[in-house]
PDB file of N, CA and C in Angstrom:
ATOM      1  N   MET A   1      22.326   3.211 -23.514  1.00  0.00           N
ATOM      2  CA  MET A   1      21.442   4.347 -23.745  1.00  0.00           C
ATOM      3  C   MET A   1      20.892   4.248 -25.163  1.00  0.00           C
ATOM      4  N   PRO A   2      19.565   4.371 -25.291  1.00  0.00           N
ATOM      5  CA  PRO A   2      18.961   4.253 -26.624  1.00  0.00           C
ATOM      6  C   PRO A   2      19.275   5.459 -27.509  1.00  0.00           C
ATOM      7  N   ASN A   3      19.254   5.209 -28.808  1.00  0.00           N
ATOM      8  CA  ASN A   3      19.526   6.263 -29.784  1.00  0.00           C
ATOM      9  C   ASN A   3      18.246   6.909 -30.298  1.00  0.00           C
ATOM     10  N   ILE A   4      17.143   6.191 -30.219  1.00  0.00           N
ATOM     11  CA  ILE A   4      15.880   6.673 -30.771  1.00  0.00           C
ATOM     12  C   ILE A   4      15.186   7.573 -29.748  1.00  0.00           C
ATOM     13  N   LYS A   5      14.648   8.718 -30.233  1.00  0.00           N
ATOM     14  CA  LYS A   5      14.032   9.689 -29.336  1.00  0.00           C
ATOM     15  C   LYS A   5      12.894   9.078 -28.518  1.00  0.00           C
ATOM     16  N   ALA A   6      12.076   8.274 -29.166  1.00  0.00           N
ATOM     17  CA  ALA A   6      10.941   7.671 -28.475  1.00  0.00           C
ATOM     18  C   ALA A   6      11.422   6.742 -27.364  1.00  0.00           C
ATOM     19  N   SER A   7      12.526   6.063 -27.590  1.00  0.00           N
ATOM     20  CA  SER A   7      13.068   5.159 -26.581  1.00  0.00           C
ATOM     21  C   SER A   7      13.641   5.930 -25.393  1.00  0.00           C
ATOM     22  N   VAL A   8      14.245   7.075 -25.683  1.00  0.00           N
ATOM     23  CA  VAL A   8      14.774   7.928 -24.612  1.00  0.00           C
ATOM     24  C   VAL A   8      13.625   8.410 -23.737  1.00  0.00           C
ATOM     25  N   LYS A   9      12.550   8.889 -24.398  1.00  0.00           N
ATOM     26  CA  LYS A   9      11.384   9.363 -23.651  1.00  0.00           C
ATOM     27  C   LYS A   9      10.769   8.220 -22.851  1.00  0.00           C
ATOM     28  N   SER A  10      10.702   7.056 -23.446  1.00  0.00           N
ATOM     29  CA  SER A  10      10.137   5.890 -22.771  1.00  0.00           C
ATOM     30  C   SER A  10      10.919   5.562 -21.502  1.00  0.00           C
ATOM     31  N   MET A  11      12.240   5.664 -21.579  1.00  0.00           N
ATOM     32  CA  MET A  11      13.071   5.408 -20.400  1.00  0.00           C
ATOM     33  C   MET A  11      12.781   6.415 -19.294  1.00  0.00           C
ATOM     34  N   LYS A  12      12.611   7.690 -19.671  1.00  0.00           N
ATOM     35  CA  LYS A  12      12.326   8.727 -18.677  1.00  0.00           C
ATOM     36  C   LYS A  12      10.974   8.487 -18.011  1.00  0.00           C
ATOM     37  N   VAL A  13       9.974   8.152 -18.823  1.00  0.00           N
ATOM     38  CA  VAL A  13       8.637   7.896 -18.302  1.00  0.00           C
ATOM     39  C   VAL A  13       8.663   6.669 -17.387  1.00  0.00           C
ATOM     40  N   ASP A  14       9.378   5.623 -17.800  1.00  0.00           N
ATOM     41  CA  ASP A  14       9.487   4.414 -16.988  1.00  0.00           C
ATOM     42  C   ASP A  14      10.133   4.717 -15.636  1.00  0.00           C
ATOM     43  N   ALA A  15      11.141   5.584 -15.636  1.00  0.00           N
ATOM     44  CA  ALA A  15      11.816   5.934 -14.392  1.00  0.00           C
ATOM     45  C   ALA A  15      10.869   6.678 -13.452  1.00  0.00           C
ATOM     46  N   LYS A  16      10.055   7.587 -14.003  1.00  0.00           N
ATOM     47  CA  LYS A  16       9.088   8.320 -13.187  1.00  0.00           C
ATOM     48  C   LYS A  16       8.043   7.379 -12.607  1.00  0.00           C
ATOM     49  N   ARG A  17       7.542   6.478 -13.447  1.00  0.00           N
ATOM     50  CA  ARG A  17       6.534   5.521 -12.983  1.00  0.00           C
ATOM     51  C   ARG A  17       7.105   4.611 -11.910  1.00  0.00           C
ATOM     52  N   HIS A  18       8.333   4.175 -12.110  1.00  0.00           N
ATOM     53  CA  HIS A  18       8.984   3.289 -11.138  1.00  0.00           C
ATOM     54  C   HIS A  18       9.117   3.993  -9.796  1.00  0.00           C
ATOM     55  N   ALA A  19       9.537   5.252  -9.837  1.00  0.00           N
ATOM     56  CA  ALA A  19       9.701   6.019  -8.598  1.00  0.00           C
ATOM     57  C   ALA A  19       8.364   6.181  -7.891  1.00  0.00           C
ATOM     58  N   ARG A  20       7.307   6.473  -8.641  1.00  0.00           N
ATOM     59  CA  ARG A  20       5.979   6.633  -8.053  1.00  0.00           C
ATOM     60  C   ARG A  20       5.499   5.320  -7.445  1.00  0.00           C
ATOM     61  N   ASN A  21       5.696   4.211  -8.181  1.00  0.00           N
ATOM     62  CA  ASN A  21       5.246   2.910  -7.688  1.00  0.00           C
ATOM     63  C   ASN A  21       5.979   2.506  -6.420  1.00  0.00           C
ATOM     64  N   VAL A  22       7.280   2.724  -6.376  1.00  0.00           N
ATOM     65  CA  VAL A  22       8.072   2.364  -5.198  1.00  0.00           C
ATOM     66  C   VAL A  22       7.615   3.188  -4.002  1.00  0.00           C
ATOM     67  N   SER A  23       7.412   4.482  -4.217  1.00  0.00           N
ATOM     68  CA  SER A  23       6.970   5.359  -3.144  1.00  0.00           C
ATOM     69  C   SER A  23       5.597   4.936  -2.621  1.00  0.00           C
ATOM     70  N   GLU A  24       4.695   4.647  -3.540  1.00  0.00           N
ATOM     71  CA  GLU A  24       3.334   4.237  -3.183  1.00  0.00           C
ATOM     72  C   GLU A  24       3.345   2.924  -2.399  1.00  0.00           C
ATOM     73  N   LYS A  25       4.140   1.966  -2.851  1.00  0.00           N
ATOM     74  CA  LYS A  25       4.217   0.670  -2.160  1.00  0.00           C
ATOM     75  C   LYS A  25       4.822   0.816  -0.775  1.00  0.00           C
ATOM     76  N   ASN A  26       5.849   1.654  -0.648  1.00  0.00           N
ATOM     77  CA  ASN A  26       6.469   1.867   0.659  1.00  0.00           C
ATOM     78  C   ASN A  26       5.486   2.496   1.644  1.00  0.00           C
ATOM     79  N   ARG A  27       4.717   3.468   1.171  1.00  0.00           N
ATOM     80  CA  ARG A  27       3.728   4.123   2.024  1.00  0.00           C
ATOM     81  C   ARG A  27       2.669   3.121   2.484  1.00  0.00           C
ATOM     82  N   MET A  28       2.249   2.272   1.553  1.00  0.00           N
ATOM     83  CA  MET A  28       1.247   1.257   1.861  1.00  0.00           C
ATOM     84  C   MET A  28       1.793   0.247   2.877  1.00  0.00           C
ATOM     85  N   LYS A  29       3.020  -0.206   2.659  1.00  0.00           N
ATOM     86  CA  LYS A  29       3.623  -1.199   3.551  1.00  0.00           C
ATOM     87  C   LYS A  29       3.822  -0.639   4.953  1.00  0.00           C
ATOM     88  N   LYS A  30       4.234   0.636   5.045  1.00  0.00           N
ATOM     89  CA  LYS A  30       4.428   1.250   6.362  1.00  0.00           C
ATOM     90  C   LYS A  30       3.115   1.325   7.123  1.00  0.00           C
ATOM     91  N   ALA A  31       2.036   1.693   6.430  1.00  0.00           N
ATOM     92  CA  ALA A  31       0.728   1.782   7.076  1.00  0.00           C
ATOM     93  C   ALA A  31       0.285   0.410   7.570  1.00  0.00           C
ATOM     94  N   GLN A  32       0.523  -0.625   6.763  1.00  0.00           N
ATOM     95  CA  GLN A  32       0.157  -1.979   7.165  1.00  0.00           C
ATOM     96  C   GLN A  32       0.984  -2.426   8.369  1.00  0.00           C
ATOM     97  N   LYS A  33       2.267  -2.116   8.353  1.00  0.00           N
ATOM     98  CA  LYS A  33       3.143  -2.525   9.446  1.00  0.00           C
ATOM     99  C   LYS A  33       2.745  -1.867  10.755  1.00  0.00           C
ATOM    100  N   LEU A  34       2.289  -0.608  10.700  1.00  0.00           N
ATOM    101  CA  LEU A  34       1.843   0.061  11.913  1.00  0.00           C
ATOM    102  C   LEU A  34       0.640  -0.653  12.515  1.00  0.00           C
ATOM    103  N   VAL A  35      -0.301  -1.054  11.667  1.00  0.00           N
ATOM    104  CA  VAL A  35      -1.478  -1.775  12.148  1.00  0.00           C
ATOM    105  C   VAL A  35      -1.065  -3.128  12.722  1.00  0.00           C
ATOM    106  N   LEU A  36      -0.190  -3.837  12.011  1.00  0.00           N
ATOM    107  CA  LEU A  36       0.248  -5.152  12.478  1.00  0.00           C
ATOM    108  C   LEU A  36       1.047  -5.050  13.778  1.00  0.00           C
ATOM    109  N   ALA A  37       1.800  -3.967  13.950  1.00  0.00           N
ATOM    110  CA  ALA A  37       2.545  -3.765  15.185  1.00  0.00           C
ATOM    111  C   ALA A  37       1.587  -3.549  16.351  1.00  0.00           C
ATOM    112  N   ALA A  38       0.519  -2.787  16.106  1.00  0.00           N
ATOM    113  CA  ALA A  38      -0.478  -2.566  17.147  1.00  0.00           C
ATOM    114  C   ALA A  38      -1.169  -3.877  17.508  1.00  0.00           C
ATOM    115  N   ILE A  39      -1.412  -4.717  16.513  1.00  0.00           N
ATOM    116  CA  ILE A  39      -2.027  -6.024  16.753  1.00  0.00           C
ATOM    117  C   ILE A  39      -1.078  -6.897  17.567  1.00  0.00           C
ATOM    118  N   ALA A  40       0.196  -6.858  17.223  1.00  0.00           N
ATOM    119  CA  ALA A  40       1.189  -7.665  17.941  1.00  0.00           C
ATOM    120  C   ALA A  40       1.286  -7.244  19.409  1.00  0.00           C
ATOM    121  N   ASN A  41       1.034  -5.951  19.685  1.00  0.00           N
ATOM    122  CA  ASN A  41       1.081  -5.439  21.060  1.00  0.00           C
ATOM    123  C   ASN A  41      -0.259  -5.600  21.774  1.00  0.00           C
ATOM    124  N   ASN A  42      -1.209  -6.282  21.128  1.00  0.00           N
ATOM    125  CA  ASN A  42      -2.560  -6.476  21.675  1.00  0.00           C
ATOM    126  C   ASN A  42      -3.239  -5.155  22.021  1.00  0.00           C
ATOM    127  N   ASP A  43      -3.010  -4.156  21.189  1.00  0.00           N
ATOM    128  CA  ASP A  43      -3.599  -2.829  21.386  1.00  0.00           C
ATOM    129  C   ASP A  43      -4.731  -2.634  20.377  1.00  0.00           C
ATOM    130  N   ALA A  44      -5.929  -3.095  20.737  1.00  0.00           N
ATOM    131  CA  ALA A  44      -7.070  -3.068  19.815  1.00  0.00           C
ATOM    132  C   ALA A  44      -7.466  -1.636  19.455  1.00  0.00           C
ATOM    133  N   GLY A  45      -7.440  -0.749  20.429  1.00  0.00           N
ATOM    134  CA  GLY A  45      -7.824   0.638  20.166  1.00  0.00           C
ATOM    135  C   GLY A  45      -6.911   1.315  19.165  1.00  0.00           C
ATOM    136  N   GLU A  46      -5.621   1.109  19.335  1.00  0.00           N
ATOM    137  CA  GLU A  46      -4.641   1.703  18.414  1.00  0.00           C
ATOM    138  C   GLU A  46      -4.783   1.101  17.018  1.00  0.00           C
ATOM    139  N   ALA A  47      -4.997  -0.201  16.959  1.00  0.00           N
ATOM    140  CA  ALA A  47      -5.164  -0.868  15.656  1.00  0.00           C
ATOM    141  C   ALA A  47      -6.397  -0.327  14.943  1.00  0.00           C
ATOM    142  N   GLN A  48      -7.489  -0.123  15.697  1.00  0.00           N
ATOM    143  CA  GLN A  48      -8.709   0.432  15.098  1.00  0.00           C
ATOM    144  C   GLN A  48      -8.468   1.849  14.582  1.00  0.00           C
ATOM    145  N   LYS A  49      -7.637   2.608  15.302  1.00  0.00           N
ATOM    146  CA  LYS A  49      -7.341   3.985  14.903  1.00  0.00           C
ATOM    147  C   LYS A  49      -6.485   4.031  13.637  1.00  0.00           C
ATOM    148  N   LEU A  50      -5.556   3.079  13.511  1.00  0.00           N
ATOM    149  CA  LEU A  50      -4.625   3.076  12.384  1.00  0.00           C
ATOM    150  C   LEU A  50      -5.215   2.433  11.124  1.00  0.00           C
ATOM    151  N   LEU A  51      -6.281   1.659  11.291  1.00  0.00           N
ATOM    152  CA  LEU A  51      -6.865   0.934  10.153  1.00  0.00           C
ATOM    153  C   LEU A  51      -7.333   1.850   9.017  1.00  0.00           C
ATOM    154  N   PRO A  52      -8.029   2.970   9.290  1.00  0.00           N
ATOM    155  CA  PRO A  52      -8.439   3.844   8.180  1.00  0.00           C
ATOM    156  C   PRO A  52      -7.267   4.405   7.376  1.00  0.00           C
ATOM    157  N   ALA A  53      -6.161   4.696   8.045  1.00  0.00           N
ATOM    158  CA  ALA A  53      -4.984   5.209   7.331  1.00  0.00           C
ATOM    159  C   ALA A  53      -4.412   4.133   6.416  1.00  0.00           C
ATOM    160  N   ALA A  54      -4.434   2.889   6.888  1.00  0.00           N
ATOM    161  CA  ALA A  54      -3.957   1.779   6.059  1.00  0.00           C
ATOM    162  C   ALA A  54      -4.892   1.583   4.870  1.00  0.00           C
ATOM    163  N   TYR A  55      -6.195   1.674   5.111  1.00  0.00           N
ATOM    164  CA  TYR A  55      -7.178   1.572   4.024  1.00  0.00           C
ATOM    165  C   TYR A  55      -6.896   2.624   2.961  1.00  0.00           C
ATOM    166  N   LYS A  56      -6.654   3.846   3.400  1.00  0.00           N
ATOM    167  CA  LYS A  56      -6.430   4.953   2.466  1.00  0.00           C
ATOM    168  C   LYS A  56      -5.184   4.701   1.622  1.00  0.00           C
ATOM    169  N   ALA A  57      -4.110   4.258   2.262  1.00  0.00           N
ATOM    170  CA  ALA A  57      -2.870   4.002   1.528  1.00  0.00           C
ATOM    171  C   ALA A  57      -3.052   2.876   0.520  1.00  0.00           C
ATOM    172  N   ILE A  58      -3.769   1.828   0.917  1.00  0.00           N
ATOM    173  CA  ILE A  58      -4.013   0.692   0.019  1.00  0.00           C
ATOM    174  C   ILE A  58      -4.894   1.126  -1.148  1.00  0.00           C
ATOM    175  N   ASP A  59      -5.947   1.885  -0.850  1.00  0.00           N
ATOM    176  CA  ASP A  59      -6.855   2.353  -1.911  1.00  0.00           C
ATOM    177  C   ASP A  59      -6.143   3.263  -2.904  1.00  0.00           C
ATOM    178  N   GLN A  60      -5.252   4.116  -2.409  1.00  0.00           N
ATOM    179  CA  GLN A  60      -4.528   5.010  -3.314  1.00  0.00           C
ATOM    180  C   GLN A  60      -3.570   4.221  -4.198  1.00  0.00           C
ATOM    181  N   ALA A  61      -2.954   3.186  -3.657  1.00  0.00           N
ATOM    182  CA  ALA A  61      -2.067   2.358  -4.470  1.00  0.00           C
ATOM    183  C   ALA A  61      -2.859   1.661  -5.570  1.00  0.00           C
ATOM    184  N   ALA A  62      -4.061   1.219  -5.244  1.00  0.00           N
ATOM    185  CA  ALA A  62      -4.910   0.566  -6.242  1.00  0.00           C
ATOM    186  C   ALA A  62      -5.397   1.564  -7.286  1.00  0.00           C
ATOM    187  N   ALA A  63      -5.727   2.783  -6.845  1.00  0.00           N
ATOM    188  CA  ALA A  63      -6.220   3.807  -7.763  1.00  0.00           C
ATOM    189  C   ALA A  63      -5.146   4.210  -8.764  1.00  0.00           C
ATOM    190  N   ASN A  64      -3.883   4.181  -8.338  1.00  0.00           N
ATOM    191  CA  ASN A  64      -2.778   4.538  -9.232  1.00  0.00           C
ATOM    192  C   ASN A  64      -2.245   3.345 -10.012  1.00  0.00           C
ATOM    193  N   ASN A  65      -2.943   2.221  -9.930  1.00  0.00           N
ATOM    194  CA  ASN A  65      -2.553   0.992 -10.625  1.00  0.00           C
ATOM    195  C   ASN A  65      -1.187   0.482 -10.187  1.00  0.00           C
ATOM    196  N   THR A  66      -0.796   0.801  -8.961  1.00  0.00           N
ATOM    197  CA  THR A  66       0.441   0.257  -8.417  1.00  0.00           C
ATOM    198  C   THR A  66       0.218  -1.196  -8.029  1.00  0.00           C
ATOM    199  N   ILE A  67      -0.962  -1.462  -7.453  1.00  0.00           N
ATOM    200  CA  ILE A  67      -1.364  -2.844  -7.171  1.00  0.00           C
ATOM    201  C   ILE A  67      -2.740  -3.054  -7.787  1.00  0.00           C
ATOM    202  N   HIS A  68      -3.109  -4.303  -7.990  1.00  0.00           N
ATOM    203  CA  HIS A  68      -4.407  -4.640  -8.582  1.00  0.00           C
ATOM    204  C   HIS A  68      -5.504  -4.386  -7.560  1.00  0.00           C
ATOM    205  N   LYS A  69      -6.693  -4.046  -8.046  1.00  0.00           N
ATOM    206  CA  LYS A  69      -7.799  -3.741  -7.135  1.00  0.00           C
ATOM    207  C   LYS A  69      -8.175  -4.943  -6.281  1.00  0.00           C
ATOM    208  N   ASN A  70      -8.049  -6.155  -6.824  1.00  0.00           N
ATOM    209  CA  ASN A  70      -8.360  -7.342  -6.028  1.00  0.00           C
ATOM    210  C   ASN A  70      -7.303  -7.580  -4.955  1.00  0.00           C
ATOM    211  N   ALA A  71      -6.064  -7.254  -5.249  1.00  0.00           N
ATOM    212  CA  ALA A  71      -4.996  -7.366  -4.252  1.00  0.00           C
ATOM    213  C   ALA A  71      -5.255  -6.372  -3.128  1.00  0.00           C
ATOM    214  N   ALA A  72      -5.734  -5.179  -3.479  1.00  0.00           N
ATOM    215  CA  ALA A  72      -6.056  -4.173  -2.468  1.00  0.00           C
ATOM    216  C   ALA A  72      -7.188  -4.676  -1.578  1.00  0.00           C
ATOM    217  N   ALA A  73      -8.207  -5.249  -2.182  1.00  0.00           N
ATOM    218  CA  ALA A  73      -9.340  -5.769  -1.415  1.00  0.00           C
ATOM    219  C   ALA A  73      -8.878  -6.895  -0.485  1.00  0.00           C
ATOM    220  N   ARG A  74      -7.994  -7.740  -0.967  1.00  0.00           N
ATOM    221  CA  ARG A  74      -7.484  -8.856  -0.162  1.00  0.00           C
ATOM    222  C   ARG A  74      -6.686  -8.342   1.032  1.00  0.00           C
ATOM    223  N   LYS A  75      -5.833  -7.354   0.798  1.00  0.00           N
ATOM    224  CA  LYS A  75      -5.014  -6.788   1.877  1.00  0.00           C
ATOM    225  C   LYS A  75      -5.908  -6.148   2.947  1.00  0.00           C
ATOM    226  N   LYS A  76      -6.902  -5.390   2.513  1.00  0.00           N
ATOM    227  CA  LYS A  76      -7.800  -4.735   3.456  1.00  0.00           C
ATOM    228  C   LYS A  76      -8.598  -5.766   4.244  1.00  0.00           C
ATOM    229  N   SER A  77      -9.041  -6.799   3.571  1.00  0.00           N
ATOM    230  CA  SER A  77      -9.821  -7.844   4.225  1.00  0.00           C
ATOM    231  C   SER A  77      -9.002  -8.556   5.294  1.00  0.00           C
ATOM    232  N   ARG A  78      -7.785  -8.894   4.976  1.00  0.00           N
ATOM    233  CA  ARG A  78      -6.934  -9.613   5.926  1.00  0.00           C
ATOM    234  C   ARG A  78      -6.591  -8.749   7.138  1.00  0.00           C
ATOM    235  N   LEU A  79      -6.341  -7.466   6.896  1.00  0.00           N
ATOM    236  CA  LEU A  79      -6.074  -6.561   8.017  1.00  0.00           C
ATOM    237  C   LEU A  79      -7.302  -6.455   8.923  1.00  0.00           C
ATOM    238  N   THR A  80      -8.469  -6.314   8.305  1.00  0.00           N
ATOM    239  CA  THR A  80      -9.704  -6.177   9.065  1.00  0.00           C
ATOM    240  C   THR A  80      -9.981  -7.421   9.901  1.00  0.00           C
ATOM    241  N   LEU A  81      -9.765  -8.591   9.315  1.00  0.00           N
ATOM    242  CA  LEU A  81      -9.971  -9.839  10.052  1.00  0.00           C
ATOM    243  C   LEU A  81      -9.080  -9.897  11.282  1.00  0.00           C
ATOM    244  N   LYS A  82      -7.829  -9.482  11.129  1.00  0.00           N
ATOM    245  CA  LYS A  82      -6.893  -9.515  12.258  1.00  0.00           C
ATOM    246  C   LYS A  82      -7.294  -8.521  13.346  1.00  0.00           C
ATOM    247  N   VAL A  83      -7.723  -7.331  12.935  1.00  0.00           N
ATOM    248  CA  VAL A  83      -8.133  -6.321  13.916  1.00  0.00           C
ATOM    249  C   VAL A  83      -9.392  -6.785  14.641  1.00  0.00           C
ATOM    250  N   ASN A  84     -10.351  -7.343  13.892  1.00  0.00           N
ATOM    251  CA  ASN A  84     -11.595  -7.817  14.501  1.00  0.00           C
ATOM    252  C   ASN A  84     -11.354  -8.983  15.449  1.00  0.00           C
ATOM    253  N   ALA A  85     -10.428  -9.857  15.100  1.00  0.00           N
ATOM    254  CA  ALA A  85     -10.105 -10.985  15.962  1.00  0.00           C
ATOM    255  C   ALA A  85      -9.493 -10.493  17.276  1.00  0.00           C
ATOM    256  N   LEU A  86      -8.742  -9.418  17.205  1.00  0.00           N
ATOM    257  CA  LEU A  86      -8.119  -8.850  18.401  1.00  0.00           C
ATOM    258  C   LEU A  86      -9.169  -8.198  19.295  1.00  0.00           C
ATOM    259  N   SER A  87     -10.181  -7.606  18.685  1.00  0.00           N
ATOM    260  CA  SER A  87     -11.212  -6.878  19.432  1.00  0.00           C
ATOM    261  C   SER A  87     -12.111  -7.805  20.244  1.00  0.00           C
ATOM    262  N   LYS A  88     -12.227  -9.059  19.826  1.00  0.00           N
ATOM    263  CA  LYS A  88     -13.132  -9.994  20.513  1.00  0.00           C
ATOM    264  C   LYS A  88     -12.580 -10.495  21.804  1.00  0.00           C
TER     265      LYS A  88
END
């Protein structure tokens, strides 16, 4: 445990940020897994329905700097490609 006040505050802030980042990443991963599960079941309609929710979770993670904006774009692109391939 640090002795300096600024270090104590820094630890508290780091813990809050860590909790937010973990929560944000888990929400994003769950949304992606739901879409991928629908794709695995060859359910194009369900995958199309779940895609906007996954987009929203990914965009919010990027907006909160949990993931990089380019990583968010890559994740959304890959999900979209898989859903579109299923629809054909």
